[in-house]
Amino acid sequence: MARTPIGTPAVSAALTLDGLTVDFAGFRAVDTVSTIVEAGELRVLLGANGAGKTTLMDLVSGKTRPTAGHVYLGDTEITGLEEHRIAQAGLGRKFQIPSVFRDLGVRRNIEVAACRNPSVFANLRLGFSPEQTRRVEEILDLVGLNAKQEVEAGSLSHGETQWLELGMLMAQDPKLILLDEPTAGMTEAETMKTAAIIKAMRGRHTLIVVEHDMAFVKEIATRITVMHLGRILAEGSVAEIEANAEVKAAYLGSKGIQ
C-alpha cells in the first residue's frame, strides 16, 4: 500500500523520506516510500533481490535522482543534490567492495579520512589537534586494528579491510552512515566482530544497514524496514517482523529470522 506523506521532518529525525519515487523507463523501482529514521538509530533494510533496497540507498546518497518525493538529512532537504554535496551535508556510504588507500598504513588511512583541512600541511599531521589524535586512537581500538596501525592497508585480510573502511567512515563523523552488505564474504567470526563494531557505532552515528545474513541482522537490529516490489511492506522490531504474515509470504518464509 502507498505510504502517507510525512511532510516536515521531525526535530529528532536523522533521515526523512517523504513519498520517494523513481521510475526507470516506465519501471517504478522505488514507489512512494515514506519513513523516518531517528537520530542515533540503527535501521536494517531487508528485502529480496530487486525489492528496491539499493536503489533507495542510491536515491538518498545522490547516485540516483528521484522522479518524485523528498529526502531530508536532519531538517535539510537534499533531494536531487549531487553526491559530493550530500556527502558534505553529512552522509557517508560504504559499498560492498571496500575503498581504502592500499599503499598507506592503517592509521594513515584513518587520519586522512579524519582530516578536515585538505592542505599539504594538514595531511602531514601538522594540522591535527589533540582531540583528533585521540579520536583516531579511539577508532583504531574500536575496529580492532591498533596492533596493525603501521601495516599497509593492501596487506590486510578481507575482514580487516572492511573494518578499516568502517573506521574511516567514523573518522569523517557523518550524521548518517549507509552500509551495503557490510559482512559480504566474511567468516562467521568476522561477521560477529563486525556486528560488535556496528553496534558500538550506534548512538554517535545514525546507521542504515542493508544485509541478507539473517544471523547478523538478528544480532544488530532494533528496528527493521522490509521492502517488496519497491514499496515498504512492513516496519517494526525483530519480533514484529517475524510475526508479520505478509513478510513471511514475501520474504522470510516460515522460519523467520534465524
Protein backbone atom coordinates (compact mmCIF):
# COMPACT_ATOMS: atom_id res chain seq x y z
CA MET A 1 0.00 0.00 0.00
CA ALA A 2 1.11 3.59 -0.54
CA ARG A 3 2.60 5.34 2.46
CA THR A 4 1.07 8.51 3.83
CA PRO A 5 3.24 11.57 3.08
CA ILE A 6 5.22 12.67 6.12
CA GLY A 7 5.74 16.36 5.40
CA THR A 8 8.10 18.48 7.53
CA PRO A 9 10.78 16.31 9.22
CA ALA A 10 10.67 15.89 12.98
CA VAL A 11 13.34 17.61 15.08
CA SER A 12 14.72 14.23 16.21
CA ALA A 13 14.89 12.75 12.71
CA ALA A 14 18.25 11.98 11.12
CA LEU A 15 16.63 10.99 7.82
CA THR A 16 13.14 11.65 6.49
CA LEU A 17 11.87 10.13 3.24
CA ASP A 18 8.59 11.55 2.01
CA GLY A 19 6.91 9.85 -0.96
CA LEU A 20 10.26 8.99 -2.56
CA THR A 21 9.80 7.55 -6.05
CA VAL A 22 11.93 6.73 -9.06
CA ASP A 23 10.93 5.41 -12.49
CA PHE A 24 13.33 3.83 -14.97
CA ALA A 25 11.79 3.83 -18.47
CA GLY A 26 8.36 3.11 -17.07
CA PHE A 27 9.51 0.68 -14.36
CA ARG A 28 8.89 2.02 -10.85
CA ALA A 29 11.89 0.74 -8.83
CA VAL A 30 11.01 2.73 -5.69
CA ASP A 31 7.37 3.58 -5.16
CA THR A 32 6.24 6.39 -2.80
CA VAL A 33 8.49 5.36 0.09
CA SER A 34 7.98 7.34 3.30
CA THR A 35 9.79 6.66 6.57
CA ILE A 36 11.66 8.40 9.38
CA VAL A 37 14.97 7.23 10.85
CA GLU A 38 15.60 8.77 14.26
CA ALA A 39 18.95 10.28 15.25
CA GLY A 40 21.24 7.59 16.68
CA GLU A 41 19.09 4.76 15.36
CA LEU A 42 20.38 1.61 13.68
CA ARG A 43 17.88 0.65 10.98
CA VAL A 44 18.16 -2.60 8.99
CA LEU A 45 16.75 -2.66 5.46
CA LEU A 46 15.55 -6.10 4.32
CA GLY A 47 14.06 -7.42 1.11
CA ALA A 48 14.58 -9.91 -1.69
CA ASN A 49 16.80 -9.09 -4.66
CA GLY A 50 15.01 -6.47 -6.76
CA ALA A 51 12.96 -5.17 -3.83
CA GLY A 52 14.43 -1.67 -4.25
CA LYS A 53 16.86 -1.55 -1.29
CA THR A 54 19.99 -0.49 -3.18
CA THR A 55 18.03 1.91 -5.38
CA LEU A 56 16.64 3.53 -2.23
CA MET A 57 20.19 3.96 -0.89
CA ASP A 58 21.20 5.43 -4.26
CA LEU A 59 18.36 7.96 -4.02
CA VAL A 60 19.37 9.00 -0.51
CA SER A 61 23.08 9.34 -1.39
CA GLY A 62 22.50 11.21 -4.66
CA LYS A 63 23.75 8.49 -7.00
CA THR A 64 20.24 8.36 -8.50
CA ARG A 65 17.84 11.28 -8.83
CA PRO A 66 14.22 10.76 -7.77
CA THR A 67 11.21 11.14 -10.03
CA ALA A 68 9.13 12.42 -7.11
CA GLY A 69 9.24 12.86 -3.36
CA HIS A 70 11.66 14.43 -0.88
CA VAL A 71 14.75 13.45 1.15
CA TYR A 72 15.76 15.34 4.31
CA LEU A 73 19.02 14.89 6.19
CA GLY A 74 18.06 16.27 9.57
CA ASP A 75 15.99 19.32 8.65
CA THR A 76 17.97 20.00 5.44
CA GLU A 77 16.42 18.93 2.15
CA ILE A 78 18.96 17.06 -0.01
CA THR A 79 16.57 15.84 -2.72
CA GLY A 80 18.37 15.52 -6.05
CA LEU A 81 21.64 17.14 -4.93
CA GLU A 82 24.96 15.94 -6.35
CA GLU A 83 26.64 13.12 -4.42
CA HIS A 84 29.52 15.29 -3.18
CA ARG A 85 27.12 17.92 -1.84
CA ILE A 86 25.13 15.28 0.04
CA ALA A 87 28.38 13.90 1.46
CA GLN A 88 29.34 17.41 2.58
CA ALA A 89 25.91 17.72 4.26
CA GLY A 90 26.79 14.76 6.48
CA LEU A 91 26.17 11.45 4.71
CA GLY A 92 28.70 8.61 4.49
CA ARG A 93 28.25 5.42 2.49
CA LYS A 94 30.07 2.10 2.48
CA PHE A 95 29.66 -0.20 -0.50
CA GLN A 96 30.20 -3.99 -0.61
CA ILE A 97 33.69 -3.54 -2.10
CA PRO A 98 35.80 -1.51 0.34
CA SER A 99 37.64 1.61 -0.79
CA VAL A 100 40.86 2.28 1.13
CA PHE A 101 44.29 3.74 0.34
CA ARG A 102 46.09 0.42 -0.16
CA ASP A 103 49.62 1.89 -0.15
CA LEU A 104 49.11 3.78 3.12
CA GLY A 105 49.25 2.37 6.63
CA VAL A 106 46.09 1.64 8.60
CA ARG A 107 46.50 4.62 10.91
CA ARG A 108 47.33 6.92 7.98
CA ASN A 109 44.11 5.88 6.23
CA ILE A 110 42.06 6.90 9.25
CA GLU A 111 44.00 10.16 9.65
CA VAL A 112 43.39 11.09 6.01
CA ALA A 113 39.67 10.34 6.44
CA ALA A 114 39.57 12.47 9.60
CA CYS A 115 41.40 15.43 8.07
CA ARG A 116 39.12 18.46 7.77
CA ASN A 117 41.83 20.58 6.15
CA PRO A 118 42.89 19.48 2.64
CA SER A 119 46.16 21.42 2.71
CA VAL A 120 49.52 19.65 2.46
CA PHE A 121 50.48 20.76 5.99
CA ALA A 122 47.35 19.25 7.49
CA ASN A 123 47.96 16.00 5.62
CA LEU A 124 51.43 15.90 7.16
CA ARG A 125 49.72 15.90 10.58
CA LEU A 126 50.77 19.46 11.35
CA GLY A 127 47.13 20.50 11.45
CA PHE A 128 45.94 17.67 13.73
CA SER A 129 44.54 18.71 17.10
CA PRO A 130 44.98 16.60 20.26
CA GLU A 131 41.26 15.85 20.09
CA GLN A 132 41.59 14.49 16.53
CA THR A 133 44.56 12.36 17.58
CA ARG A 134 42.55 10.92 20.48
CA ARG A 135 39.66 10.15 18.14
CA VAL A 136 41.98 8.28 15.74
CA GLU A 137 43.26 6.19 18.68
CA GLU A 138 39.70 5.52 19.80
CA ILE A 139 38.69 4.35 16.31
CA LEU A 140 41.73 2.07 15.99
CA ASP A 141 40.74 0.40 19.26
CA LEU A 142 37.08 0.15 18.27
CA VAL A 143 37.78 -1.59 14.94
CA GLY A 144 40.44 -3.81 16.49
CA LEU A 145 43.32 -2.63 14.30
CA ASN A 146 45.51 -0.91 16.88
CA ALA A 147 48.19 -3.62 16.61
CA LYS A 148 48.24 -3.21 12.82
CA GLN A 149 48.18 0.58 12.63
CA GLU A 150 51.50 0.78 10.71
CA VAL A 151 50.68 -2.10 8.36
CA GLU A 152 49.89 -1.16 4.75
CA ALA A 153 46.17 -1.42 4.08
CA GLY A 154 46.81 -3.51 0.96
CA SER A 155 48.12 -6.39 3.07
CA LEU A 156 45.07 -6.65 5.35
CA SER A 157 42.65 -9.56 5.22
CA HIS A 158 39.19 -9.07 3.71
CA GLY A 159 37.57 -8.63 7.12
CA GLU A 160 40.28 -6.25 8.35
CA THR A 161 39.88 -4.13 5.22
CA GLN A 162 36.15 -3.85 5.85
CA TRP A 163 36.82 -2.82 9.47
CA LEU A 164 39.32 -0.21 8.30
CA GLU A 165 36.73 1.30 5.99
CA LEU A 166 34.23 1.40 8.86
CA GLY A 167 36.91 3.25 10.85
CA MET A 168 37.44 5.70 8.01
CA LEU A 169 33.70 6.40 7.90
CA MET A 170 33.65 7.03 11.64
CA ALA A 171 36.63 9.38 11.29
CA GLN A 172 34.64 11.51 8.82
CA ASP A 173 31.94 11.84 11.53
CA PRO A 174 28.91 11.84 9.21
CA LYS A 175 25.41 12.38 10.54
CA LEU A 176 24.13 9.31 8.68
CA ILE A 177 26.00 6.20 7.50
CA LEU A 178 24.67 3.83 4.83
CA LEU A 179 26.17 0.32 4.89
CA ASP A 180 25.56 -2.00 1.94
CA GLU A 181 26.02 -5.66 2.99
CA PRO A 182 28.99 -4.99 5.32
CA THR A 183 29.52 -8.71 6.07
CA ALA A 184 29.67 -9.96 2.47
CA GLY A 185 32.43 -12.57 2.11
CA MET A 186 33.21 -12.71 5.85
CA THR A 187 33.69 -15.73 8.06
CA GLU A 188 31.26 -16.28 10.94
CA ALA A 189 33.81 -14.90 13.42
CA GLU A 190 34.44 -11.82 11.27
CA THR A 191 30.69 -11.30 10.91
CA MET A 192 30.17 -11.30 14.67
CA LYS A 193 33.06 -8.87 15.18
CA THR A 194 31.54 -6.60 12.53
CA ALA A 195 28.24 -6.76 14.41
CA ALA A 196 30.00 -5.63 17.60
CA ILE A 197 31.66 -2.71 15.77
CA ILE A 198 28.41 -1.56 14.18
CA LYS A 199 26.52 -1.78 17.49
CA ALA A 200 29.25 0.35 19.09
CA MET A 201 28.76 2.97 16.35
CA ARG A 202 25.04 3.28 17.10
CA GLY A 203 24.14 6.40 19.04
CA ARG A 204 27.07 8.55 17.98
CA HIS A 205 26.11 7.78 14.39
CA THR A 206 22.80 7.01 12.72
CA LEU A 207 23.07 3.90 10.54
CA ILE A 208 21.05 2.20 7.82
CA VAL A 209 22.29 -1.32 7.03
CA VAL A 210 21.30 -3.41 4.01
CA GLU A 211 22.05 -7.06 4.76
CA HIS A 212 20.97 -10.59 3.80
CA ASP A 213 22.73 -12.52 6.61
CA MET A 214 19.82 -13.17 8.96
CA ALA A 215 22.01 -14.14 11.94
CA PHE A 216 23.80 -10.80 11.59
CA VAL A 217 20.50 -8.94 11.23
CA LYS A 218 19.15 -10.50 14.42
CA GLU A 219 22.39 -9.58 16.22
CA ILE A 220 22.27 -5.86 15.38
CA ALA A 221 18.67 -4.94 14.58
CA THR A 222 16.41 -2.88 16.81
CA ARG A 223 14.10 -1.72 14.01
CA ILE A 224 13.67 -3.27 10.56
CA THR A 225 12.18 -1.93 7.33
CA VAL A 226 11.14 -4.61 4.82
CA MET A 227 10.84 -3.64 1.16
CA HIS A 228 8.92 -5.55 -1.50
CA LEU A 229 8.47 -4.54 -5.14
CA GLY A 230 9.76 -1.03 -4.46
CA ARG A 231 7.47 -0.31 -1.52
CA ILE A 232 7.70 -0.60 2.24
CA LEU A 233 5.94 -3.81 3.17
CA ALA A 234 6.42 -3.56 6.93
CA GLU A 235 8.39 -1.82 9.68
CA GLY A 236 8.97 -2.83 13.27
CA SER A 237 11.07 -4.75 15.77
CA VAL A 238 12.60 -8.16 15.03
CA ALA A 239 9.67 -9.84 16.80
CA GLU A 240 7.08 -7.79 14.91
CA ILE A 241 8.71 -8.52 11.54
CA GLU A 242 8.97 -12.25 12.28
CA ALA A 243 5.28 -12.34 13.18
CA ASN A 244 4.12 -10.39 10.11
CA ALA A 245 2.21 -12.68 7.74
CA GLU A 246 2.88 -10.52 4.67
CA VAL A 247 6.63 -10.52 5.36
CA LYS A 248 6.62 -14.30 5.81
CA ALA A 249 4.85 -14.75 2.50
CA ALA A 250 7.02 -12.32 0.56
CA TYR A 251 10.46 -12.83 2.11
CA LEU A 252 11.15 -14.76 5.33
CA GLY A 253 9.11 -17.91 4.80
CA SER A 254 8.04 -19.96 7.79
CA LYS A 255 11.43 -19.98 9.60
CA GLY A 256 11.59 -16.28 10.47
CA ILE A 257 14.93 -14.58 11.14
CA GLN A 258 17.36 -17.39 12.00
